[in-house]
Amino acid sequence: MAAYFFATPVDIEIKLEGEDLRKQVEMKPEKEKERGISCPVYYDGDTVQGQVVIRVRDGKKLQHDGINVQFIGSIELFYDRGHHHEFLSLSQELAAPGEMRQAQTYEFSFKNVEKQYESYQGINVKLRYFIRVTISRRIADVTKERDIWVHSYRMPPDSNNSIKMEVGIEDCLHIEFEYNKSKYHLKDVIVGKIYFLLVRIKIKHMELSIIRRETTGAPPNQYNESETITKFEIMDGSPVRGETVPIRLFLGGFELTPTFRDVNKKFSTRYYLNLVLIDEENRRYFKQQEITIFRIPEN
């Protein structure tokens, strides 16, 4: 009976104005069997507004100590569960203390909100923005949350030099590789070339991979996680001296985020191009190069 006594006596629905007209992003569920949540995309400076509909169940009356709505930006570090680092918190009162006997609709509006960081869902960290409605009650508060997704355009500096590097093993192998740029937007194409200047080992194949490295926390509680986003075989078989192998890798088909550096002093996400050569004895030779990824407005 106790469980029934404390059952939530109301349903809360949060409607966002114009959400059907916005691009949607699928937010991955916390647990495997749960469904993903579709979130409307907002940008820095966008107004976040809508309606809160509260329905009383079974014709009962609801006594409450006030109703408010918040717009919150928080960073959750998975090794520090229970501690949410809020970098944004705005609040509006929807109703003063009183009682409710029938469904009520309340308007809310957070105008031109600065959203300085982009939403992110990684291995050890989640940066989220959400609307939270709280009905304050003497027994237990009733809350409901609704996530939105934030994209931001942070253009890199104008300089965008090509990358030129050498890989060498004395008297065995000497190659040069070149990528056309060091900074790429999310739908860009990596174009490059590999020159074989000296080849005295039997190379079986060569691949290029994109690696995302997520760093969370600060020493001594710092965690690094690397994941391979894609592997792309660029050569099969042994090259000869003087051979040139072209590279062309389209980024648009992969789940990439922009590069994030020291977000709110909590986490970073960096990307690397990893060139790997494997010889016939399965020895691996590799060279890693950091690249910057950024978001540009979509047409």
C-alpha atoms as a PDB file:
ATOM      1  CA  MET A   1       0.000   0.000   0.000  1.00  0.00           C
ATOM      2  CA  ALA A   2       2.865   2.360   0.772  1.00  0.00           C
ATOM      3  CA  ALA A   3       4.077   2.233  -2.828  1.00  0.00           C
ATOM      4  CA  TYR A   4       0.612   3.187  -4.029  1.00  0.00           C
ATOM      5  CA  PHE A   5       0.430   6.018  -1.490  1.00  0.00           C
ATOM      6  CA  PHE A   6       3.623   7.592  -2.856  1.00  0.00           C
ATOM      7  CA  ALA A   7       2.725   7.037  -6.519  1.00  0.00           C
ATOM      8  CA  THR A   8       3.077  10.191  -8.635  1.00  0.00           C
ATOM      9  CA  PRO A   9      -0.394  11.774  -8.835  1.00  0.00           C
ATOM     10  CA  VAL A  10       0.329  13.811 -11.998  1.00  0.00           C
ATOM     11  CA  ASP A  11       1.632  13.502 -15.549  1.00  0.00           C
ATOM     12  CA  ILE A  12       3.996  16.201 -16.844  1.00  0.00           C
ATOM     13  CA  GLU A  13       4.535  16.858 -20.554  1.00  0.00           C
ATOM     14  CA  ILE A  14       7.161  19.310 -21.872  1.00  0.00           C
ATOM     15  CA  LYS A  15       6.459  20.650 -25.373  1.00  0.00           C
ATOM     16  CA  LEU A  16       9.116  22.668 -27.219  1.00  0.00           C
ATOM     17  CA  GLU A  17       7.936  25.326 -29.637  1.00  0.00           C
ATOM     18  CA  GLY A  18       8.782  24.575 -33.274  1.00  0.00           C
ATOM     19  CA  GLU A  19      10.572  21.310 -32.436  1.00  0.00           C
ATOM     20  CA  ASP A  20       9.132  19.546 -35.489  1.00  0.00           C
ATOM     21  CA  LEU A  21      10.879  22.066 -37.741  1.00  0.00           C
ATOM     22  CA  ARG A  22      14.286  21.487 -36.170  1.00  0.00           C
ATOM     23  CA  LYS A  23      16.906  18.945 -37.100  1.00  0.00           C
ATOM     24  CA  GLN A  24      16.790  15.918 -34.777  1.00  0.00           C
ATOM     25  CA  VAL A  25      19.694  14.048 -33.177  1.00  0.00           C
ATOM     26  CA  GLU A  26      19.344  10.571 -31.732  1.00  0.00           C
ATOM     27  CA  MET A  27      20.680  10.494 -28.188  1.00  0.00           C
ATOM     28  CA  LYS A  28      22.096   7.077 -27.295  1.00  0.00           C
ATOM     29  CA  PRO A  29      20.312   5.299 -24.420  1.00  0.00           C
ATOM     30  CA  GLU A  30      22.106   4.741 -21.091  1.00  0.00           C
ATOM     31  CA  LYS A  31      21.278   1.008 -21.136  1.00  0.00           C
ATOM     32  CA  GLU A  32      21.443  -1.355 -24.073  1.00  0.00           C
ATOM     33  CA  LYS A  33      17.784  -2.364 -24.172  1.00  0.00           C
ATOM     34  CA  GLU A  34      16.429   1.169 -23.880  1.00  0.00           C
ATOM     35  CA  ARG A  35      15.419   3.151 -26.950  1.00  0.00           C
ATOM     36  CA  GLY A  36      17.322   6.227 -28.056  1.00  0.00           C
ATOM     37  CA  ILE A  37      15.760   9.634 -27.488  1.00  0.00           C
ATOM     38  CA  SER A  38      15.216  12.011 -30.401  1.00  0.00           C
ATOM     39  CA  CYS A  39      16.304  15.547 -29.448  1.00  0.00           C
ATOM     40  CA  PRO A  40      15.719  18.788 -31.383  1.00  0.00           C
ATOM     41  CA  VAL A  41      18.883  20.720 -32.274  1.00  0.00           C
ATOM     42  CA  TYR A  42      19.428  24.256 -30.957  1.00  0.00           C
ATOM     43  CA  TYR A  43      22.294  26.692 -31.469  1.00  0.00           C
ATOM     44  CA  ASP A  44      24.123  29.224 -29.328  1.00  0.00           C
ATOM     45  CA  GLY A  45      21.836  32.209 -28.769  1.00  0.00           C
ATOM     46  CA  ASP A  46      18.617  30.389 -29.723  1.00  0.00           C
ATOM     47  CA  THR A  47      15.588  30.999 -27.495  1.00  0.00           C
ATOM     48  CA  VAL A  48      14.323  27.818 -25.816  1.00  0.00           C
ATOM     49  CA  GLN A  49      10.583  28.087 -25.208  1.00  0.00           C
ATOM     50  CA  GLY A  50       7.475  25.992 -25.047  1.00  0.00           C
ATOM     51  CA  GLN A  51       4.736  24.723 -22.789  1.00  0.00           C
ATOM     52  CA  VAL A  52       4.461  22.551 -19.713  1.00  0.00           C
ATOM     53  CA  VAL A  53       1.219  20.569 -19.487  1.00  0.00           C
ATOM     54  CA  ILE A  54       0.392  19.105 -16.078  1.00  0.00           C
ATOM     55  CA  ARG A  55      -2.504  16.647 -15.792  1.00  0.00           C
ATOM     56  CA  VAL A  56      -3.888  15.472 -12.462  1.00  0.00           C
ATOM     57  CA  ARG A  57      -4.624  11.743 -12.410  1.00  0.00           C
ATOM     58  CA  ASP A  58      -7.972  10.169 -11.473  1.00  0.00           C
ATOM     59  CA  GLY A  59      -9.639  13.515 -10.686  1.00  0.00           C
ATOM     60  CA  LYS A  60      -7.638  13.855  -7.483  1.00  0.00           C
ATOM     61  CA  LYS A  61      -6.507  17.248  -6.299  1.00  0.00           C
ATOM     62  CA  LEU A  62      -2.799  18.057  -6.093  1.00  0.00           C
ATOM     63  CA  GLN A  63      -1.510  20.184  -3.248  1.00  0.00           C
ATOM     64  CA  HIS A  64       1.884  21.689  -4.089  1.00  0.00           C
ATOM     65  CA  ASP A  65       4.432  24.206  -2.793  1.00  0.00           C
ATOM     66  CA  GLY A  66       5.106  25.795  -6.186  1.00  0.00           C
ATOM     67  CA  ILE A  67       6.031  24.746  -9.719  1.00  0.00           C
ATOM     68  CA  ASN A  68       9.149  25.889 -11.565  1.00  0.00           C
ATOM     69  CA  VAL A  69      11.000  25.206 -14.802  1.00  0.00           C
ATOM     70  CA  GLN A  70      14.789  25.245 -15.286  1.00  0.00           C
ATOM     71  CA  PHE A  71      17.085  25.231 -18.285  1.00  0.00           C
ATOM     72  CA  ILE A  72      20.258  23.399 -17.296  1.00  0.00           C
ATOM     73  CA  GLY A  73      23.598  22.643 -18.937  1.00  0.00           C
ATOM     74  CA  SER A  74      25.616  19.989 -17.114  1.00  0.00           C
ATOM     75  CA  ILE A  75      28.640  17.745 -17.494  1.00  0.00           C
ATOM     76  CA  GLU A  76      28.425  14.219 -16.104  1.00  0.00           C
ATOM     77  CA  LEU A  77      31.644  12.264 -15.640  1.00  0.00           C
ATOM     78  CA  PHE A  78      30.889   8.554 -15.469  1.00  0.00           C
ATOM     79  CA  TYR A  79      33.561   7.790 -12.851  1.00  0.00           C
ATOM     80  CA  ASP A  80      32.044  10.533 -10.668  1.00  0.00           C
ATOM     81  CA  ARG A  81      28.381   9.522 -10.900  1.00  0.00           C
ATOM     82  CA  GLY A  82      26.058  11.515  -8.705  1.00  0.00           C
ATOM     83  CA  HIS A  83      28.100  14.696  -9.184  1.00  0.00           C
ATOM     84  CA  HIS A  84      26.736  16.756 -12.053  1.00  0.00           C
ATOM     85  CA  HIS A  85      28.779  19.839 -12.841  1.00  0.00           C
ATOM     86  CA  GLU A  86      26.276  22.510 -13.862  1.00  0.00           C
ATOM     87  CA  PHE A  87      27.756  25.275 -16.029  1.00  0.00           C
ATOM     88  CA  LEU A  88      24.352  26.782 -16.885  1.00  0.00           C
ATOM     89  CA  SER A  89      21.238  27.065 -14.729  1.00  0.00           C
ATOM     90  CA  LEU A  90      18.276  29.348 -15.459  1.00  0.00           C
ATOM     91  CA  SER A  91      14.974  29.181 -13.598  1.00  0.00           C
ATOM     92  CA  GLN A  92      11.425  30.508 -13.955  1.00  0.00           C
ATOM     93  CA  GLU A  93       8.452  30.137 -11.638  1.00  0.00           C
ATOM     94  CA  LEU A  94       5.370  28.664 -13.311  1.00  0.00           C
ATOM     95  CA  ALA A  95       2.966  28.639 -10.369  1.00  0.00           C
ATOM     96  CA  ALA A  96       2.880  29.814  -6.762  1.00  0.00           C
ATOM     97  CA  PRO A  97       1.984  27.322  -3.987  1.00  0.00           C
ATOM     98  CA  GLY A  98      -1.590  26.121  -4.215  1.00  0.00           C
ATOM     99  CA  GLU A  99      -3.692  23.195  -5.340  1.00  0.00           C
ATOM    100  CA  MET A 100      -4.590  21.789  -8.730  1.00  0.00           C
ATOM    101  CA  ARG A 101      -7.797  19.943  -9.594  1.00  0.00           C
ATOM    102  CA  GLN A 102      -7.587  19.807 -13.400  1.00  0.00           C
ATOM    103  CA  ALA A 103      -5.040  19.961 -16.235  1.00  0.00           C
ATOM    104  CA  GLN A 104      -3.032  23.172 -16.473  1.00  0.00           C
ATOM    105  CA  THR A 105      -0.798  24.541 -19.252  1.00  0.00           C
ATOM    106  CA  TYR A 106       2.087  26.910 -18.494  1.00  0.00           C
ATOM    107  CA  GLU A 107       4.260  28.848 -20.942  1.00  0.00           C
ATOM    108  CA  PHE A 108       8.018  29.192 -20.477  1.00  0.00           C
ATOM    109  CA  SER A 109      10.690  31.070 -22.409  1.00  0.00           C
ATOM    110  CA  PHE A 110      14.457  31.261 -21.939  1.00  0.00           C
ATOM    111  CA  LYS A 111      15.408  34.000 -24.371  1.00  0.00           C
ATOM    112  CA  ASN A 112      18.621  34.103 -26.436  1.00  0.00           C
ATOM    113  CA  VAL A 113      20.426  31.667 -24.156  1.00  0.00           C
ATOM    114  CA  GLU A 114      24.200  31.467 -24.448  1.00  0.00           C
ATOM    115  CA  LYS A 115      25.100  27.812 -24.961  1.00  0.00           C
ATOM    116  CA  GLN A 116      28.851  27.987 -24.945  1.00  0.00           C
ATOM    117  CA  TYR A 117      29.544  24.251 -25.339  1.00  0.00           C
ATOM    118  CA  GLU A 118      28.310  21.634 -27.767  1.00  0.00           C
ATOM    119  CA  SER A 119      26.331  18.607 -26.573  1.00  0.00           C
ATOM    120  CA  TYR A 120      28.490  15.494 -26.352  1.00  0.00           C
ATOM    121  CA  GLN A 121      27.939  11.871 -25.417  1.00  0.00           C
ATOM    122  CA  GLY A 122      31.197   9.962 -25.082  1.00  0.00           C
ATOM    123  CA  ILE A 123      32.636   6.921 -23.351  1.00  0.00           C
ATOM    124  CA  ASN A 124      33.274   8.522 -19.952  1.00  0.00           C
ATOM    125  CA  VAL A 125      31.497  11.856 -20.202  1.00  0.00           C
ATOM    126  CA  LYS A 126      28.188  13.383 -21.216  1.00  0.00           C
ATOM    127  CA  LEU A 127      27.515  17.085 -21.780  1.00  0.00           C
ATOM    128  CA  ARG A 128      23.787  17.679 -21.898  1.00  0.00           C
ATOM    129  CA  TYR A 129      21.253  20.506 -21.973  1.00  0.00           C
ATOM    130  CA  PHE A 130      17.773  19.880 -20.647  1.00  0.00           C
ATOM    131  CA  ILE A 131      14.528  21.404 -19.408  1.00  0.00           C
ATOM    132  CA  ARG A 132      13.545  20.286 -15.901  1.00  0.00           C
ATOM    133  CA  VAL A 133      10.077  20.876 -14.421  1.00  0.00           C
ATOM    134  CA  THR A 134       9.765  20.515 -10.642  1.00  0.00           C
ATOM    135  CA  ILE A 135       6.512  20.358  -8.672  1.00  0.00           C
ATOM    136  CA  SER A 136       7.539  20.982  -5.064  1.00  0.00           C
ATOM    137  CA  ARG A 137       5.604  18.892  -2.547  1.00  0.00           C
ATOM    138  CA  ARG A 138       5.830  18.286   1.160  1.00  0.00           C
ATOM    139  CA  ILE A 139       6.118  14.513   0.716  1.00  0.00           C
ATOM    140  CA  ALA A 140       8.339  14.256  -2.375  1.00  0.00           C
ATOM    141  CA  ASP A 141       8.987  16.542  -5.334  1.00  0.00           C
ATOM    142  CA  VAL A 142       7.785  15.465  -8.775  1.00  0.00           C
ATOM    143  CA  THR A 143      10.229  16.175 -11.614  1.00  0.00           C
ATOM    144  CA  LYS A 144      10.336  15.674 -15.380  1.00  0.00           C
ATOM    145  CA  GLU A 145      13.255  16.318 -17.752  1.00  0.00           C
ATOM    146  CA  ARG A 146      13.431  16.842 -21.514  1.00  0.00           C
ATOM    147  CA  ASP A 147      16.748  16.909 -23.380  1.00  0.00           C
ATOM    148  CA  ILE A 148      17.686  19.150 -26.273  1.00  0.00           C
ATOM    149  CA  TRP A 149      20.860  18.866 -28.384  1.00  0.00           C
ATOM    150  CA  VAL A 150      23.189  21.812 -28.989  1.00  0.00           C
ATOM    151  CA  HIS A 151      25.475  22.306 -31.983  1.00  0.00           C
ATOM    152  CA  SER A 152      27.930  25.180 -32.079  1.00  0.00           C
ATOM    153  CA  TYR A 153      30.045  26.692 -34.818  1.00  0.00           C
ATOM    154  CA  ARG A 154      33.552  27.389 -33.585  1.00  0.00           C
ATOM    155  CA  MET A 155      35.568  28.108 -36.686  1.00  0.00           C
ATOM    156  CA  PRO A 156      39.298  27.333 -36.419  1.00  0.00           C
ATOM    157  CA  PRO A 157      41.967  29.970 -37.108  1.00  0.00           C
ATOM    158  CA  ASP A 158      42.497  30.920 -40.750  1.00  0.00           C
ATOM    159  CA  SER A 159      45.782  29.075 -41.071  1.00  0.00           C
ATOM    160  CA  ASN A 160      45.238  25.553 -42.338  1.00  0.00           C
ATOM    161  CA  ASN A 161      48.613  24.188 -43.311  1.00  0.00           C
ATOM    162  CA  SER A 162      49.167  20.887 -45.041  1.00  0.00           C
ATOM    163  CA  ILE A 163      50.815  18.110 -43.023  1.00  0.00           C
ATOM    164  CA  LYS A 164      54.106  16.662 -44.257  1.00  0.00           C
ATOM    165  CA  MET A 165      55.880  13.937 -42.307  1.00  0.00           C
ATOM    166  CA  GLU A 166      58.465  11.202 -42.729  1.00  0.00           C
ATOM    167  CA  VAL A 167      58.609   7.660 -41.447  1.00  0.00           C
ATOM    168  CA  GLY A 168      61.926   5.901 -41.559  1.00  0.00           C
ATOM    169  CA  ILE A 169      63.663   2.773 -40.364  1.00  0.00           C
ATOM    170  CA  GLU A 170      67.354   3.085 -41.069  1.00  0.00           C
ATOM    171  CA  ASP A 171      68.398   1.325 -44.305  1.00  0.00           C
ATOM    172  CA  CYS A 172      65.029  -0.502 -44.476  1.00  0.00           C
ATOM    173  CA  LEU A 173      62.198   1.906 -45.107  1.00  0.00           C
ATOM    174  CA  HIS A 174      61.778   5.570 -45.834  1.00  0.00           C
ATOM    175  CA  ILE A 175      58.423   7.082 -46.736  1.00  0.00           C
ATOM    176  CA  GLU A 176      56.990  10.569 -46.799  1.00  0.00           C
ATOM    177  CA  PHE A 177      53.328  11.284 -46.427  1.00  0.00           C
ATOM    178  CA  GLU A 178      51.346  14.425 -46.984  1.00  0.00           C
ATOM    179  CA  TYR A 179      47.779  15.426 -46.073  1.00  0.00           C
ATOM    180  CA  ASN A 180      46.257  18.439 -47.779  1.00  0.00           C
ATOM    181  CA  LYS A 181      45.114  20.120 -44.539  1.00  0.00           C
ATOM    182  CA  SER A 182      45.433  19.895 -40.772  1.00  0.00           C
ATOM    183  CA  LYS A 183      41.867  21.105 -40.064  1.00  0.00           C
ATOM    184  CA  TYR A 184      38.739  19.506 -41.542  1.00  0.00           C
ATOM    185  CA  HIS A 185      35.018  20.120 -41.233  1.00  0.00           C
ATOM    186  CA  LEU A 186      32.679  17.224 -40.420  1.00  0.00           C
ATOM    187  CA  LYS A 187      31.732  16.557 -44.064  1.00  0.00           C
ATOM    188  CA  ASP A 188      35.212  17.172 -45.485  1.00  0.00           C
ATOM    189  CA  VAL A 189      37.478  14.890 -47.507  1.00  0.00           C
ATOM    190  CA  ILE A 190      41.004  13.985 -46.413  1.00  0.00           C
ATOM    191  CA  VAL A 191      43.212  14.034 -49.489  1.00  0.00           C
ATOM    192  CA  GLY A 192      46.820  12.933 -49.316  1.00  0.00           C
ATOM    193  CA  LYS A 193      49.735  11.087 -50.874  1.00  0.00           C
ATOM    194  CA  ILE A 194      52.324   8.630 -49.669  1.00  0.00           C
ATOM    195  CA  TYR A 195      55.754   8.531 -51.339  1.00  0.00           C
ATOM    196  CA  PHE A 196      57.990   5.483 -51.025  1.00  0.00           C
ATOM    197  CA  LEU A 197      61.612   6.637 -51.121  1.00  0.00           C
ATOM    198  CA  LEU A 198      63.214   3.417 -49.851  1.00  0.00           C
ATOM    199  CA  VAL A 199      61.606  -0.019 -49.481  1.00  0.00           C
ATOM    200  CA  ARG A 200      63.729  -2.940 -48.299  1.00  0.00           C
ATOM    201  CA  ILE A 201      61.095  -4.770 -46.259  1.00  0.00           C
ATOM    202  CA  LYS A 202      58.145  -6.746 -47.554  1.00  0.00           C
ATOM    203  CA  ILE A 203      55.059  -4.713 -46.789  1.00  0.00           C
ATOM    204  CA  LYS A 204      51.834  -6.709 -46.739  1.00  0.00           C
ATOM    205  CA  HIS A 205      49.390  -3.837 -46.530  1.00  0.00           C
ATOM    206  CA  MET A 206      48.905  -0.308 -45.321  1.00  0.00           C
ATOM    207  CA  GLU A 207      45.913   1.297 -43.622  1.00  0.00           C
ATOM    208  CA  LEU A 208      44.799   4.682 -42.402  1.00  0.00           C
ATOM    209  CA  SER A 209      42.593   4.954 -39.334  1.00  0.00           C
ATOM    210  CA  ILE A 210      40.874   7.802 -37.542  1.00  0.00           C
ATOM    211  CA  ILE A 211      41.220   7.614 -33.781  1.00  0.00           C
ATOM    212  CA  ARG A 212      39.199   9.595 -31.257  1.00  0.00           C
ATOM    213  CA  ARG A 213      40.873  10.136 -27.897  1.00  0.00           C
ATOM    214  CA  GLU A 214      38.713  11.271 -25.005  1.00  0.00           C
ATOM    215  CA  THR A 215      40.404  12.665 -21.892  1.00  0.00           C
ATOM    216  CA  THR A 216      38.331  13.267 -18.762  1.00  0.00           C
ATOM    217  CA  GLY A 217      39.169  14.722 -15.372  1.00  0.00           C
ATOM    218  CA  ALA A 218      42.494  16.041 -14.186  1.00  0.00           C
ATOM    219  CA  PRO A 219      45.539  14.283 -12.698  1.00  0.00           C
ATOM    220  CA  PRO A 220      45.634  12.151 -10.614  1.00  0.00           C
ATOM    221  CA  ASN A 221      42.047  11.197 -11.609  1.00  0.00           C
ATOM    222  CA  GLN A 222      42.533  11.503 -15.344  1.00  0.00           C
ATOM    223  CA  TYR A 223      41.148   8.925 -17.754  1.00  0.00           C
ATOM    224  CA  ASN A 224      42.068   8.443 -21.408  1.00  0.00           C
ATOM    225  CA  GLU A 225      39.964   6.369 -23.774  1.00  0.00           C
ATOM    226  CA  SER A 226      40.807   5.825 -27.428  1.00  0.00           C
ATOM    227  CA  GLU A 227      38.461   4.366 -30.014  1.00  0.00           C
ATOM    228  CA  THR A 228      39.016   3.661 -33.683  1.00  0.00           C
ATOM    229  CA  ILE A 229      36.297   5.387 -35.703  1.00  0.00           C
ATOM    230  CA  THR A 230      37.265   3.794 -39.007  1.00  0.00           C
ATOM    231  CA  LYS A 231      40.029   1.771 -40.679  1.00  0.00           C
ATOM    232  CA  PHE A 232      40.648   2.397 -44.328  1.00  0.00           C
ATOM    233  CA  GLU A 233      42.970   0.130 -46.320  1.00  0.00           C
ATOM    234  CA  ILE A 234      44.967   2.254 -48.738  1.00  0.00           C
ATOM    235  CA  MET A 235      47.298  -0.380 -50.154  1.00  0.00           C
ATOM    236  CA  ASP A 236      47.463  -4.150 -50.443  1.00  0.00           C
ATOM    237  CA  GLY A 237      50.782  -5.680 -51.461  1.00  0.00           C
ATOM    238  CA  SER A 238      54.339  -4.475 -51.417  1.00  0.00           C
ATOM    239  CA  PRO A 239      55.183  -1.074 -52.955  1.00  0.00           C
ATOM    240  CA  VAL A 240      58.331  -0.366 -54.900  1.00  0.00           C
ATOM    241  CA  ARG A 241      60.741   2.526 -54.569  1.00  0.00           C
ATOM    242  CA  GLY A 242      59.410   5.689 -56.220  1.00  0.00           C
ATOM    243  CA  GLU A 243      55.770   4.596 -55.972  1.00  0.00           C
ATOM    244  CA  THR A 244      53.104   7.096 -54.888  1.00  0.00           C
ATOM    245  CA  VAL A 245      49.865   5.969 -53.226  1.00  0.00           C
ATOM    246  CA  PRO A 246      46.943   8.442 -53.165  1.00  0.00           C
ATOM    247  CA  ILE A 247      44.640   8.829 -50.152  1.00  0.00           C
ATOM    248  CA  ARG A 248      41.030   9.958 -50.307  1.00  0.00           C
ATOM    249  CA  LEU A 249      38.889   9.542 -47.196  1.00  0.00           C
ATOM    250  CA  PHE A 250      35.384  11.032 -46.940  1.00  0.00           C
ATOM    251  CA  LEU A 251      34.531  12.055 -43.358  1.00  0.00           C
ATOM    252  CA  GLY A 252      30.791  12.512 -43.905  1.00  0.00           C
ATOM    253  CA  GLY A 253      29.942   8.842 -43.357  1.00  0.00           C
ATOM    254  CA  PHE A 254      31.370   8.605 -39.827  1.00  0.00           C
ATOM    255  CA  GLU A 255      30.018   9.586 -36.428  1.00  0.00           C
ATOM    256  CA  LEU A 256      32.444  12.379 -35.681  1.00  0.00           C
ATOM    257  CA  THR A 257      32.185  15.349 -33.365  1.00  0.00           C
ATOM    258  CA  PRO A 258      34.215  18.533 -33.494  1.00  0.00           C
ATOM    259  CA  THR A 259      37.516  18.603 -31.627  1.00  0.00           C
ATOM    260  CA  PHE A 260      36.865  19.699 -28.029  1.00  0.00           C
ATOM    261  CA  ARG A 261      39.750  21.111 -25.999  1.00  0.00           C
ATOM    262  CA  ASP A 262      39.489  21.381 -22.217  1.00  0.00           C
ATOM    263  CA  VAL A 263      35.706  21.909 -22.075  1.00  0.00           C
ATOM    264  CA  ASN A 264      34.886  23.586 -18.748  1.00  0.00           C
ATOM    265  CA  LYS A 265      38.193  22.098 -17.475  1.00  0.00           C
ATOM    266  CA  LYS A 266      36.452  18.682 -17.481  1.00  0.00           C
ATOM    267  CA  PHE A 267      37.196  16.892 -20.763  1.00  0.00           C
ATOM    268  CA  SER A 268      38.822  16.997 -24.197  1.00  0.00           C
ATOM    269  CA  THR A 269      38.126  15.079 -27.394  1.00  0.00           C
ATOM    270  CA  ARG A 270      40.891  14.948 -30.003  1.00  0.00           C
ATOM    271  CA  TYR A 271      41.257  13.211 -33.357  1.00  0.00           C
ATOM    272  CA  TYR A 272      44.296  11.560 -34.909  1.00  0.00           C
ATOM    273  CA  LEU A 273      45.151  10.114 -38.303  1.00  0.00           C
ATOM    274  CA  ASN A 274      47.046   6.892 -37.751  1.00  0.00           C
ATOM    275  CA  LEU A 275      49.039   5.527 -40.689  1.00  0.00           C
ATOM    276  CA  VAL A 276      49.953   1.849 -40.189  1.00  0.00           C
ATOM    277  CA  LEU A 277      52.218  -0.353 -42.336  1.00  0.00           C
ATOM    278  CA  ILE A 278      52.216  -4.095 -41.676  1.00  0.00           C
ATOM    279  CA  ASP A 279      55.000  -6.297 -43.028  1.00  0.00           C
ATOM    280  CA  GLU A 280      54.900  -9.989 -43.891  1.00  0.00           C
ATOM    281  CA  GLU A 281      56.042 -10.895 -40.379  1.00  0.00           C
ATOM    282  CA  ASN A 282      53.109  -8.865 -38.998  1.00  0.00           C
ATOM    283  CA  ARG A 283      55.319  -6.165 -37.567  1.00  0.00           C
ATOM    284  CA  ARG A 284      53.560  -2.827 -37.444  1.00  0.00           C
ATOM    285  CA  TYR A 285      55.069   0.561 -38.248  1.00  0.00           C
ATOM    286  CA  PHE A 286      52.907   3.578 -37.596  1.00  0.00           C
ATOM    287  CA  LYS A 287      52.890   7.334 -37.454  1.00  0.00           C
ATOM    288  CA  GLN A 288      50.178   9.371 -35.761  1.00  0.00           C
ATOM    289  CA  GLN A 289      49.198  12.938 -36.525  1.00  0.00           C
ATOM    290  CA  GLU A 290      46.602  15.081 -34.744  1.00  0.00           C
ATOM    291  CA  ILE A 291      43.995  16.829 -36.883  1.00  0.00           C
ATOM    292  CA  THR A 292      41.352  19.387 -35.904  1.00  0.00           C
ATOM    293  CA  ILE A 293      37.710  18.768 -36.772  1.00  0.00           C
ATOM    294  CA  PHE A 294      35.162  21.580 -36.734  1.00  0.00           C
ATOM    295  CA  ARG A 295      31.518  22.205 -37.580  1.00  0.00           C
ATOM    296  CA  ILE A 296      30.337  24.551 -40.334  1.00  0.00           C
ATOM    297  CA  PRO A 297      26.734  25.671 -40.934  1.00  0.00           C
ATOM    298  CA  GLU A 298      24.778  23.203 -43.065  1.00  0.00           C
ATOM    299  CA  ASN A 299      22.888  24.435 -46.085  1.00  0.00           C
END
